[in-house]
Amino acid sequence: MAEVQRSTQSGELTQTFLQFILMQTQQALFAMGKHPQRPPNSPPPNLDLAKLYVDHLVMLRWKTEGNLMPDEKNALNNAIAHLQNAYVEALKEKTGGA
């Protein structure tokens, strides 16, 4: 019985972890002005705030190395890669780069 309970708890924690990554990703995209559901009256992009969200996820990856389930690790790595690319794009747009 305890193993089933542990498995259920582990599944709930994985779900919560994945939700956390999604929430951080959405906040970073909003801060970059890149979220697809960004309302027209949103504040202007704040790339410093966006970088902070990305840096938090990178730190989380470093601090949890070897402790994540494969789907958690993949979600975290994919979120970081996506956000880093979006950040570079937003930075180029802000500075007028190509």
PDB file of N, CA and C in Angstrom:
ATOM      1  N   MET A   1       0.815  -1.191   0.000  1.00  0.00           N
ATOM      2  CA  MET A   1       0.000   0.000   0.000  1.00  0.00           C
ATOM      3  C   MET A   1       0.862   1.258   0.000  1.00  0.00           C
ATOM      4  N   ALA A   2       1.942   1.270   0.742  1.00  0.00           N
ATOM      5  CA  ALA A   2       2.794   2.451   0.823  1.00  0.00           C
ATOM      6  C   ALA A   2       3.407   2.783  -0.530  1.00  0.00           C
ATOM      7  N   GLU A   3       3.765   1.749  -1.312  1.00  0.00           N
ATOM      8  CA  GLU A   3       4.361   2.010  -2.616  1.00  0.00           C
ATOM      9  C   GLU A   3       3.379   2.703  -3.550  1.00  0.00           C
ATOM     10  N   VAL A   4       2.125   2.290  -3.509  1.00  0.00           N
ATOM     11  CA  VAL A   4       1.106   2.934  -4.325  1.00  0.00           C
ATOM     12  C   VAL A   4       0.962   4.394  -3.906  1.00  0.00           C
ATOM     13  N   GLN A   5       0.972   4.630  -2.616  1.00  0.00           N
ATOM     14  CA  GLN A   5       0.846   5.984  -2.105  1.00  0.00           C
ATOM     15  C   GLN A   5       2.049   6.831  -2.550  1.00  0.00           C
ATOM     16  N   ARG A   6       3.238   6.259  -2.477  1.00  0.00           N
ATOM     17  CA  ARG A   6       4.437   6.975  -2.907  1.00  0.00           C
ATOM     18  C   ARG A   6       4.348   7.302  -4.401  1.00  0.00           C
ATOM     19  N   SER A   7       3.903   6.331  -5.181  1.00  0.00           N
ATOM     20  CA  SER A   7       3.778   6.530  -6.613  1.00  0.00           C
ATOM     21  C   SER A   7       2.783   7.638  -6.929  1.00  0.00           C
ATOM     22  N   THR A   8       1.658   7.654  -6.225  1.00  0.00           N
ATOM     23  CA  THR A   8       0.660   8.707  -6.423  1.00  0.00           C
ATOM     24  C   THR A   8       1.240  10.061  -6.047  1.00  0.00           C
ATOM     25  N   GLN A   9       1.936  10.109  -4.918  1.00  0.00           N
ATOM     26  CA  GLN A   9       2.544  11.366  -4.489  1.00  0.00           C
ATOM     27  C   GLN A   9       3.593  11.818  -5.493  1.00  0.00           C
ATOM     28  N   SER A  10       4.380  10.888  -6.000  1.00  0.00           N
ATOM     29  CA  SER A  10       5.393  11.226  -6.993  1.00  0.00           C
ATOM     30  C   SER A  10       4.753  11.790  -8.254  1.00  0.00           C
ATOM     31  N   GLY A  11       3.649  11.177  -8.680  1.00  0.00           N
ATOM     32  CA  GLY A  11       2.944  11.671  -9.860  1.00  0.00           C
ATOM     33  C   GLY A  11       2.381  13.061  -9.649  1.00  0.00           C
ATOM     34  N   GLU A  12       1.860  13.318  -8.461  1.00  0.00           N
ATOM     35  CA  GLU A  12       1.338  14.649  -8.148  1.00  0.00           C
ATOM     36  C   GLU A  12       2.462  15.674  -8.111  1.00  0.00           C
ATOM     37  N   LEU A  13       3.604  15.285  -7.568  1.00  0.00           N
ATOM     38  CA  LEU A  13       4.740  16.208  -7.522  1.00  0.00           C
ATOM     39  C   LEU A  13       5.273  16.495  -8.920  1.00  0.00           C
ATOM     40  N   THR A  14       5.288  15.476  -9.762  1.00  0.00           N
ATOM     41  CA  THR A  14       5.717  15.686 -11.145  1.00  0.00           C
ATOM     42  C   THR A  14       4.769  16.659 -11.840  1.00  0.00           C
ATOM     43  N   GLN A  15       3.483  16.470 -11.648  1.00  0.00           N
ATOM     44  CA  GLN A  15       2.492  17.363 -12.257  1.00  0.00           C
ATOM     45  C   GLN A  15       2.680  18.797 -11.760  1.00  0.00           C
ATOM     46  N   THR A  16       2.902  18.950 -10.465  1.00  0.00           N
ATOM     47  CA  THR A  16       3.120  20.280  -9.889  1.00  0.00           C
ATOM     48  C   THR A  16       4.398  20.902 -10.435  1.00  0.00           C
ATOM     49  N   PHE A  17       5.448  20.103 -10.576  1.00  0.00           N
ATOM     50  CA  PHE A  17       6.717  20.593 -11.122  1.00  0.00           C
ATOM     51  C   PHE A  17       6.529  21.063 -12.562  1.00  0.00           C
ATOM     52  N   LEU A  18       5.822  20.270 -13.356  1.00  0.00           N
ATOM     53  CA  LEU A  18       5.579  20.643 -14.749  1.00  0.00           C
ATOM     54  C   LEU A  18       4.723  21.909 -14.842  1.00  0.00           C
ATOM     55  N   GLN A  19       3.753  22.046 -13.958  1.00  0.00           N
ATOM     56  CA  GLN A  19       2.945  23.265 -13.927  1.00  0.00           C
ATOM     57  C   GLN A  19       3.804  24.472 -13.567  1.00  0.00           C
ATOM     58  N   PHE A  20       4.725  24.283 -12.632  1.00  0.00           N
ATOM     59  CA  PHE A  20       5.623  25.369 -12.239  1.00  0.00           C
ATOM     60  C   PHE A  20       6.474  25.820 -13.431  1.00  0.00           C
ATOM     61  N   ILE A  21       7.019  24.868 -14.165  1.00  0.00           N
ATOM     62  CA  ILE A  21       7.829  25.208 -15.338  1.00  0.00           C
ATOM     63  C   ILE A  21       6.986  25.966 -16.358  1.00  0.00           C
ATOM     64  N   LEU A  22       5.762  25.503 -16.580  1.00  0.00           N
ATOM     65  CA  LEU A  22       4.869  26.173 -17.528  1.00  0.00           C
ATOM     66  C   LEU A  22       4.557  27.598 -17.074  1.00  0.00           C
ATOM     67  N   MET A  23       4.282  27.770 -15.792  1.00  0.00           N
ATOM     68  CA  MET A  23       3.979  29.111 -15.275  1.00  0.00           C
ATOM     69  C   MET A  23       5.179  30.050 -15.435  1.00  0.00           C
ATOM     70  N   GLN A  24       6.363  29.569 -15.126  1.00  0.00           N
ATOM     71  CA  GLN A  24       7.566  30.402 -15.268  1.00  0.00           C
ATOM     72  C   GLN A  24       7.794  30.749 -16.739  1.00  0.00           C
ATOM     73  N   THR A  25       7.554  29.784 -17.606  1.00  0.00           N
ATOM     74  CA  THR A  25       7.727  30.013 -19.048  1.00  0.00           C
ATOM     75  C   THR A  25       6.745  31.078 -19.534  1.00  0.00           C
ATOM     76  N   GLN A  26       5.498  30.968 -19.121  1.00  0.00           N
ATOM     77  CA  GLN A  26       4.501  31.955 -19.531  1.00  0.00           C
ATOM     78  C   GLN A  26       4.852  33.345 -19.018  1.00  0.00           C
ATOM     79  N   GLN A  27       5.301  33.436 -17.778  1.00  0.00           N
ATOM     80  CA  GLN A  27       5.667  34.735 -17.219  1.00  0.00           C
ATOM     81  C   GLN A  27       6.843  35.342 -17.982  1.00  0.00           C
ATOM     82  N   ALA A  28       7.819  34.506 -18.336  1.00  0.00           N
ATOM     83  CA  ALA A  28       8.964  34.998 -19.100  1.00  0.00           C
ATOM     84  C   ALA A  28       8.516  35.500 -20.474  1.00  0.00           C
ATOM     85  N   LEU A  29       7.628  34.750 -21.124  1.00  0.00           N
ATOM     86  CA  LEU A  29       7.140  35.164 -22.439  1.00  0.00           C
ATOM     87  C   LEU A  29       6.335  36.463 -22.350  1.00  0.00           C
ATOM     88  N   PHE A  30       5.522  36.603 -21.309  1.00  0.00           N
ATOM     89  CA  PHE A  30       4.813  37.867 -21.104  1.00  0.00           C
ATOM     90  C   PHE A  30       5.799  39.008 -20.923  1.00  0.00           C
ATOM     91  N   ALA A  31       6.831  38.793 -20.124  1.00  0.00           N
ATOM     92  CA  ALA A  31       7.819  39.843 -19.866  1.00  0.00           C
ATOM     93  C   ALA A  31       8.563  40.227 -21.142  1.00  0.00           C
ATOM     94  N   MET A  32       8.737  39.272 -22.048  1.00  0.00           N
ATOM     95  CA  MET A  32       9.410  39.549 -23.324  1.00  0.00           C
ATOM     96  C   MET A  32       8.472  40.169 -24.349  1.00  0.00           C
ATOM     97  N   GLY A  33       7.173  40.128 -24.054  1.00  0.00           N
ATOM     98  CA  GLY A  33       6.192  40.583 -25.042  1.00  0.00           C
ATOM     99  C   GLY A  33       5.950  39.545 -26.113  1.00  0.00           C
ATOM    100  N   LYS A  34       6.248  38.280 -25.821  1.00  0.00           N
ATOM    101  CA  LYS A  34       6.166  37.207 -26.809  1.00  0.00           C
ATOM    102  C   LYS A  34       5.041  36.207 -26.553  1.00  0.00           C
ATOM    103  N   HIS A  35       4.260  36.388 -25.515  1.00  0.00           N
ATOM    104  CA  HIS A  35       3.200  35.423 -25.220  1.00  0.00           C
ATOM    105  C   HIS A  35       2.091  35.578 -26.253  1.00  0.00           C
ATOM    106  N   PRO A  36       1.611  34.460 -26.827  1.00  0.00           N
ATOM    107  CA  PRO A  36       0.596  34.560 -27.885  1.00  0.00           C
ATOM    108  C   PRO A  36      -0.738  35.147 -27.411  1.00  0.00           C
ATOM    109  N   GLN A  37      -1.027  35.097 -26.123  1.00  0.00           N
ATOM    110  CA  GLN A  37      -2.287  35.648 -25.619  1.00  0.00           C
ATOM    111  C   GLN A  37      -2.064  36.968 -24.885  1.00  0.00           C
ATOM    112  N   ARG A  38      -1.041  37.679 -25.239  1.00  0.00           N
ATOM    113  CA  ARG A  38      -0.721  38.951 -24.599  1.00  0.00           C
ATOM    114  C   ARG A  38      -1.798  39.981 -24.946  1.00  0.00           C
ATOM    115  N   PRO A  39      -2.438  40.548 -23.940  1.00  0.00           N
ATOM    116  CA  PRO A  39      -3.477  41.551 -24.222  1.00  0.00           C
ATOM    117  C   PRO A  39      -2.882  42.818 -24.840  1.00  0.00           C
ATOM    118  N   PRO A  40      -3.666  43.521 -25.639  1.00  0.00           N
ATOM    119  CA  PRO A  40      -3.146  44.720 -26.314  1.00  0.00           C
ATOM    120  C   PRO A  40      -2.743  45.837 -25.347  1.00  0.00           C
ATOM    121  N   ASN A  41      -3.316  45.880 -24.151  1.00  0.00           N
ATOM    122  CA  ASN A  41      -2.983  46.955 -23.206  1.00  0.00           C
ATOM    123  C   ASN A  41      -1.898  46.526 -22.203  1.00  0.00           C
ATOM    124  N   SER A  42      -1.125  45.501 -22.546  1.00  0.00           N
ATOM    125  CA  SER A  42      -0.059  45.015 -21.657  1.00  0.00           C
ATOM    126  C   SER A  42       1.050  46.046 -21.542  1.00  0.00           C
ATOM    127  N   PRO A  43       1.779  46.010 -20.435  1.00  0.00           N
ATOM    128  CA  PRO A  43       2.945  46.896 -20.321  1.00  0.00           C
ATOM    129  C   PRO A  43       3.998  46.519 -21.365  1.00  0.00           C
ATOM    130  N   PRO A  44       4.901  47.423 -21.656  1.00  0.00           N
ATOM    131  CA  PRO A  44       5.940  47.117 -22.644  1.00  0.00           C
ATOM    132  C   PRO A  44       6.836  45.983 -22.148  1.00  0.00           C
ATOM    133  N   PRO A  45       7.532  45.337 -23.082  1.00  0.00           N
ATOM    134  CA  PRO A  45       8.429  44.249 -22.674  1.00  0.00           C
ATOM    135  C   PRO A  45       9.449  44.711 -21.630  1.00  0.00           C
ATOM    136  N   ASN A  46       9.759  43.813 -20.728  1.00  0.00           N
ATOM    137  CA  ASN A  46      10.751  44.048 -19.681  1.00  0.00           C
ATOM    138  C   ASN A  46      11.755  42.911 -19.781  1.00  0.00           C
ATOM    139  N   LEU A  47      12.803  43.125 -20.571  1.00  0.00           N
ATOM    140  CA  LEU A  47      13.757  42.054 -20.834  1.00  0.00           C
ATOM    141  C   LEU A  47      14.584  41.693 -19.612  1.00  0.00           C
ATOM    142  N   ASP A  48      14.785  42.633 -18.705  1.00  0.00           N
ATOM    143  CA  ASP A  48      15.495  42.293 -17.467  1.00  0.00           C
ATOM    144  C   ASP A  48      14.687  41.295 -16.642  1.00  0.00           C
ATOM    145  N   LEU A  49      13.386  41.515 -16.555  1.00  0.00           N
ATOM    146  CA  LEU A  49      12.522  40.586 -15.828  1.00  0.00           C
ATOM    147  C   LEU A  49      12.478  39.238 -16.541  1.00  0.00           C
ATOM    148  N   ALA A  50      12.384  39.261 -17.861  1.00  0.00           N
ATOM    149  CA  ALA A  50      12.363  38.014 -18.633  1.00  0.00           C
ATOM    150  C   ALA A  50      13.637  37.214 -18.399  1.00  0.00           C
ATOM    151  N   LYS A  51      14.767  37.893 -18.399  1.00  0.00           N
ATOM    152  CA  LYS A  51      16.050  37.212 -18.163  1.00  0.00           C
ATOM    153  C   LYS A  51      16.079  36.593 -16.775  1.00  0.00           C
ATOM    154  N   LEU A  52      15.487  37.264 -15.801  1.00  0.00           N
ATOM    155  CA  LEU A  52      15.436  36.731 -14.445  1.00  0.00           C
ATOM    156  C   LEU A  52      14.661  35.414 -14.408  1.00  0.00           C
ATOM    157  N   TYR A  53      13.525  35.349 -15.098  1.00  0.00           N
ATOM    158  CA  TYR A  53      12.756  34.102 -15.162  1.00  0.00           C
ATOM    159  C   TYR A  53      13.581  32.985 -15.812  1.00  0.00           C
ATOM    160  N   VAL A  54      14.260  33.305 -16.901  1.00  0.00           N
ATOM    161  CA  VAL A  54      15.085  32.302 -17.578  1.00  0.00           C
ATOM    162  C   VAL A  54      16.221  31.861 -16.657  1.00  0.00           C
ATOM    163  N   ASP A  55      16.864  32.809 -16.022  1.00  0.00           N
ATOM    164  CA  ASP A  55      17.956  32.478 -15.096  1.00  0.00           C
ATOM    165  C   ASP A  55      17.479  31.596 -13.945  1.00  0.00           C
ATOM    166  N   HIS A  56      16.258  31.827 -13.476  1.00  0.00           N
ATOM    167  CA  HIS A  56      15.698  30.982 -12.405  1.00  0.00           C
ATOM    168  C   HIS A  56      15.544  29.538 -12.879  1.00  0.00           C
ATOM    169  N   LEU A  57      15.075  29.365 -14.094  1.00  0.00           N
ATOM    170  CA  LEU A  57      14.917  28.006 -14.610  1.00  0.00           C
ATOM    171  C   LEU A  57      16.270  27.338 -14.831  1.00  0.00           C
ATOM    172  N   VAL A  58      17.251  28.090 -15.288  1.00  0.00           N
ATOM    173  CA  VAL A  58      18.600  27.540 -15.459  1.00  0.00           C
ATOM    174  C   VAL A  58      19.170  27.133 -14.101  1.00  0.00           C
ATOM    175  N   MET A  59      18.979  27.963 -13.092  1.00  0.00           N
ATOM    176  CA  MET A  59      19.438  27.642 -11.748  1.00  0.00           C
ATOM    177  C   MET A  59      18.731  26.395 -11.226  1.00  0.00           C
ATOM    178  N   LEU A  60      17.429  26.295 -11.473  1.00  0.00           N
ATOM    179  CA  LEU A  60      16.662  25.132 -11.038  1.00  0.00           C
ATOM    180  C   LEU A  60      17.205  23.865 -11.698  1.00  0.00           C
ATOM    181  N   ARG A  61      17.534  23.952 -12.971  1.00  0.00           N
ATOM    182  CA  ARG A  61      18.106  22.793 -13.668  1.00  0.00           C
ATOM    183  C   ARG A  61      19.423  22.382 -13.023  1.00  0.00           C
ATOM    184  N   TRP A  62      20.252  23.340 -12.729  1.00  0.00           N
ATOM    185  CA  TRP A  62      21.554  23.053 -12.126  1.00  0.00           C
ATOM    186  C   TRP A  62      21.389  22.441 -10.732  1.00  0.00           C
ATOM    187  N   LYS A  63      20.490  23.007  -9.935  1.00  0.00           N
ATOM    188  CA  LYS A  63      20.309  22.546  -8.558  1.00  0.00           C
ATOM    189  C   LYS A  63      19.599  21.195  -8.471  1.00  0.00           C
ATOM    190  N   THR A  64      18.862  20.800  -9.510  1.00  0.00           N
ATOM    191  CA  THR A  64      18.132  19.533  -9.468  1.00  0.00           C
ATOM    192  C   THR A  64      18.805  18.455 -10.318  1.00  0.00           C
ATOM    193  N   GLU A  65      19.999  18.716 -10.792  1.00  0.00           N
ATOM    194  CA  GLU A  65      20.709  17.762 -11.651  1.00  0.00           C
ATOM    195  C   GLU A  65      20.753  16.382 -10.987  1.00  0.00           C
ATOM    196  N   GLY A  66      20.290  15.377 -11.714  1.00  0.00           N
ATOM    197  CA  GLY A  66      20.289  14.011 -11.219  1.00  0.00           C
ATOM    198  C   GLY A  66      19.091  13.651 -10.359  1.00  0.00           C
ATOM    199  N   ASN A  67      18.193  14.597 -10.108  1.00  0.00           N
ATOM    200  CA  ASN A  67      17.034  14.347  -9.246  1.00  0.00           C
ATOM    201  C   ASN A  67      15.704  14.430  -9.972  1.00  0.00           C
ATOM    202  N   LEU A  68      15.724  14.628 -11.272  1.00  0.00           N
ATOM    203  CA  LEU A  68      14.470  14.783 -12.012  1.00  0.00           C
ATOM    204  C   LEU A  68      14.127  13.507 -12.777  1.00  0.00           C
ATOM    205  N   MET A  69      12.835  13.303 -12.951  1.00  0.00           N
ATOM    206  CA  MET A  69      12.353  12.228 -13.810  1.00  0.00           C
ATOM    207  C   MET A  69      12.622  12.666 -15.252  1.00  0.00           C
ATOM    208  N   PRO A  70      12.732  11.715 -16.187  1.00  0.00           N
ATOM    209  CA  PRO A  70      13.038  12.089 -17.579  1.00  0.00           C
ATOM    210  C   PRO A  70      12.068  13.119 -18.170  1.00  0.00           C
ATOM    211  N   ASP A  71      10.761  12.991 -17.901  1.00  0.00           N
ATOM    212  CA  ASP A  71       9.820  13.961 -18.467  1.00  0.00           C
ATOM    213  C   ASP A  71       9.983  15.338 -17.828  1.00  0.00           C
ATOM    214  N   GLU A  72      10.346  15.379 -16.559  1.00  0.00           N
ATOM    215  CA  GLU A  72      10.604  16.660 -15.887  1.00  0.00           C
ATOM    216  C   GLU A  72      11.846  17.324 -16.476  1.00  0.00           C
ATOM    217  N   LYS A  73      12.890  16.525 -16.652  1.00  0.00           N
ATOM    218  CA  LYS A  73      14.140  17.047 -17.212  1.00  0.00           C
ATOM    219  C   LYS A  73      13.931  17.565 -18.639  1.00  0.00           C
ATOM    220  N   ASN A  74      13.193  16.797 -19.441  1.00  0.00           N
ATOM    221  CA  ASN A  74      12.918  17.225 -20.819  1.00  0.00           C
ATOM    222  C   ASN A  74      12.108  18.513 -20.853  1.00  0.00           C
ATOM    223  N   ALA A  75      11.091  18.597 -20.008  1.00  0.00           N
ATOM    224  CA  ALA A  75      10.259  19.806 -19.971  1.00  0.00           C
ATOM    225  C   ALA A  75      11.092  21.020 -19.576  1.00  0.00           C
ATOM    226  N   LEU A  76      11.939  20.851 -18.587  1.00  0.00           N
ATOM    227  CA  LEU A  76      12.773  21.956 -18.124  1.00  0.00           C
ATOM    228  C   LEU A  76      13.763  22.369 -19.207  1.00  0.00           C
ATOM    229  N   ASN A  77      14.431  21.407 -19.826  1.00  0.00           N
ATOM    230  CA  ASN A  77      15.395  21.722 -20.885  1.00  0.00           C
ATOM    231  C   ASN A  77      14.719  22.383 -22.078  1.00  0.00           C
ATOM    232  N   ASN A  78      13.547  21.881 -22.459  1.00  0.00           N
ATOM    233  CA  ASN A  78      12.825  22.475 -23.592  1.00  0.00           C
ATOM    234  C   ASN A  78      12.376  23.898 -23.284  1.00  0.00           C
ATOM    235  N   ALA A  79      11.899  24.116 -22.069  1.00  0.00           N
ATOM    236  CA  ALA A  79      11.460  25.461 -21.683  1.00  0.00           C
ATOM    237  C   ALA A  79      12.636  26.433 -21.730  1.00  0.00           C
ATOM    238  N   ILE A  80      13.768  26.012 -21.196  1.00  0.00           N
ATOM    239  CA  ILE A  80      14.947  26.887 -21.185  1.00  0.00           C
ATOM    240  C   ILE A  80      15.392  27.202 -22.602  1.00  0.00           C
ATOM    241  N   ALA A  81      15.479  26.188 -23.456  1.00  0.00           N
ATOM    242  CA  ALA A  81      15.911  26.412 -24.844  1.00  0.00           C
ATOM    243  C   ALA A  81      14.955  27.356 -25.568  1.00  0.00           C
ATOM    244  N   HIS A  82      13.654  27.130 -25.398  1.00  0.00           N
ATOM    245  CA  HIS A  82      12.651  27.981 -26.042  1.00  0.00           C
ATOM    246  C   HIS A  82      12.769  29.428 -25.558  1.00  0.00           C
ATOM    247  N   LEU A  83      12.905  29.594 -24.254  1.00  0.00           N
ATOM    248  CA  LEU A  83      12.986  30.944 -23.688  1.00  0.00           C
ATOM    249  C   LEU A  83      14.279  31.646 -24.076  1.00  0.00           C
ATOM    250  N   GLN A  84      15.369  30.916 -24.123  1.00  0.00           N
ATOM    251  CA  GLN A  84      16.632  31.543 -24.519  1.00  0.00           C
ATOM    252  C   GLN A  84      16.556  32.036 -25.962  1.00  0.00           C
ATOM    253  N   ASN A  85      15.954  31.242 -26.835  1.00  0.00           N
ATOM    254  CA  ASN A  85      15.781  31.676 -28.232  1.00  0.00           C
ATOM    255  C   ASN A  85      14.851  32.881 -28.321  1.00  0.00           C
ATOM    256  N   ALA A  86      13.753  32.852 -27.581  1.00  0.00           N
ATOM    257  CA  ALA A  86      12.813  33.971 -27.588  1.00  0.00           C
ATOM    258  C   ALA A  86      13.471  35.230 -27.025  1.00  0.00           C
ATOM    259  N   TYR A  87      14.306  35.070 -26.016  1.00  0.00           N
ATOM    260  CA  TYR A  87      14.990  36.216 -25.415  1.00  0.00           C
ATOM    261  C   TYR A  87      15.945  36.861 -26.422  1.00  0.00           C
ATOM    262  N   VAL A  88      16.701  36.047 -27.128  1.00  0.00           N
ATOM    263  CA  VAL A  88      17.627  36.581 -28.135  1.00  0.00           C
ATOM    264  C   VAL A  88      16.847  37.333 -29.211  1.00  0.00           C
ATOM    265  N   GLU A  89      15.721  36.766 -29.635  1.00  0.00           N
ATOM    266  CA  GLU A  89      14.872  37.422 -30.632  1.00  0.00           C
ATOM    267  C   GLU A  89      14.336  38.757 -30.102  1.00  0.00           C
ATOM    268  N   ALA A  90      13.868  38.764 -28.871  1.00  0.00           N
ATOM    269  CA  ALA A  90      13.333  39.995 -28.269  1.00  0.00           C
ATOM    270  C   ALA A  90      14.424  41.046 -28.120  1.00  0.00           C
ATOM    271  N   LEU A  91      15.615  40.609 -27.759  1.00  0.00           N
ATOM    272  CA  LEU A  91      16.736  41.529 -27.614  1.00  0.00           C
ATOM    273  C   LEU A  91      17.098  42.148 -28.957  1.00  0.00           C
ATOM    274  N   LYS A  92      17.093  41.339 -29.988  1.00  0.00           N
ATOM    275  CA  LYS A  92      17.380  41.849 -31.346  1.00  0.00           C
ATOM    276  C   LYS A  92      16.319  42.860 -31.763  1.00  0.00           C
ATOM    277  N   GLU A  93      15.058  42.576 -31.474  1.00  0.00           N
ATOM    278  CA  GLU A  93      13.976  43.499 -31.815  1.00  0.00           C
ATOM    279  C   GLU A  93      14.132  44.817 -31.076  1.00  0.00           C
ATOM    280  N   LYS A  94      14.524  44.746 -29.816  1.00  0.00           N
ATOM    281  CA  LYS A  94      14.682  45.944 -29.010  1.00  0.00           C
ATOM    282  C   LYS A  94      15.830  46.819 -29.494  1.00  0.00           C
ATOM    283  N   THR A  95      16.920  46.169 -29.895  1.00  0.00           N
ATOM    284  CA  THR A  95      18.102  46.923 -30.309  1.00  0.00           C
ATOM    285  C   THR A  95      18.126  47.194 -31.816  1.00  0.00           C
ATOM    286  N   GLY A  96      17.131  46.666 -32.545  1.00  0.00           N
ATOM    287  CA  GLY A  96      17.066  46.915 -33.979  1.00  0.00           C
ATOM    288  C   GLY A  96      18.007  46.017 -34.757  1.00  0.00           C
ATOM    289  N   GLY A  97      18.531  44.958 -34.140  1.00  0.00           N
ATOM    290  CA  GLY A  97      19.429  44.025 -34.828  1.00  0.00           C
ATOM    291  C   GLY A  97      18.672  43.104 -35.748  1.00  0.00           C
ATOM    292  N   ALA A  98      19.409  42.478 -36.648  1.00  0.00           N
ATOM    293  CA  ALA A  98      18.767  41.581 -37.624  1.00  0.00           C
ATOM    294  C   ALA A  98      18.666  40.183 -37.106  1.00  0.00           C
TER     295      ALA A  98
END
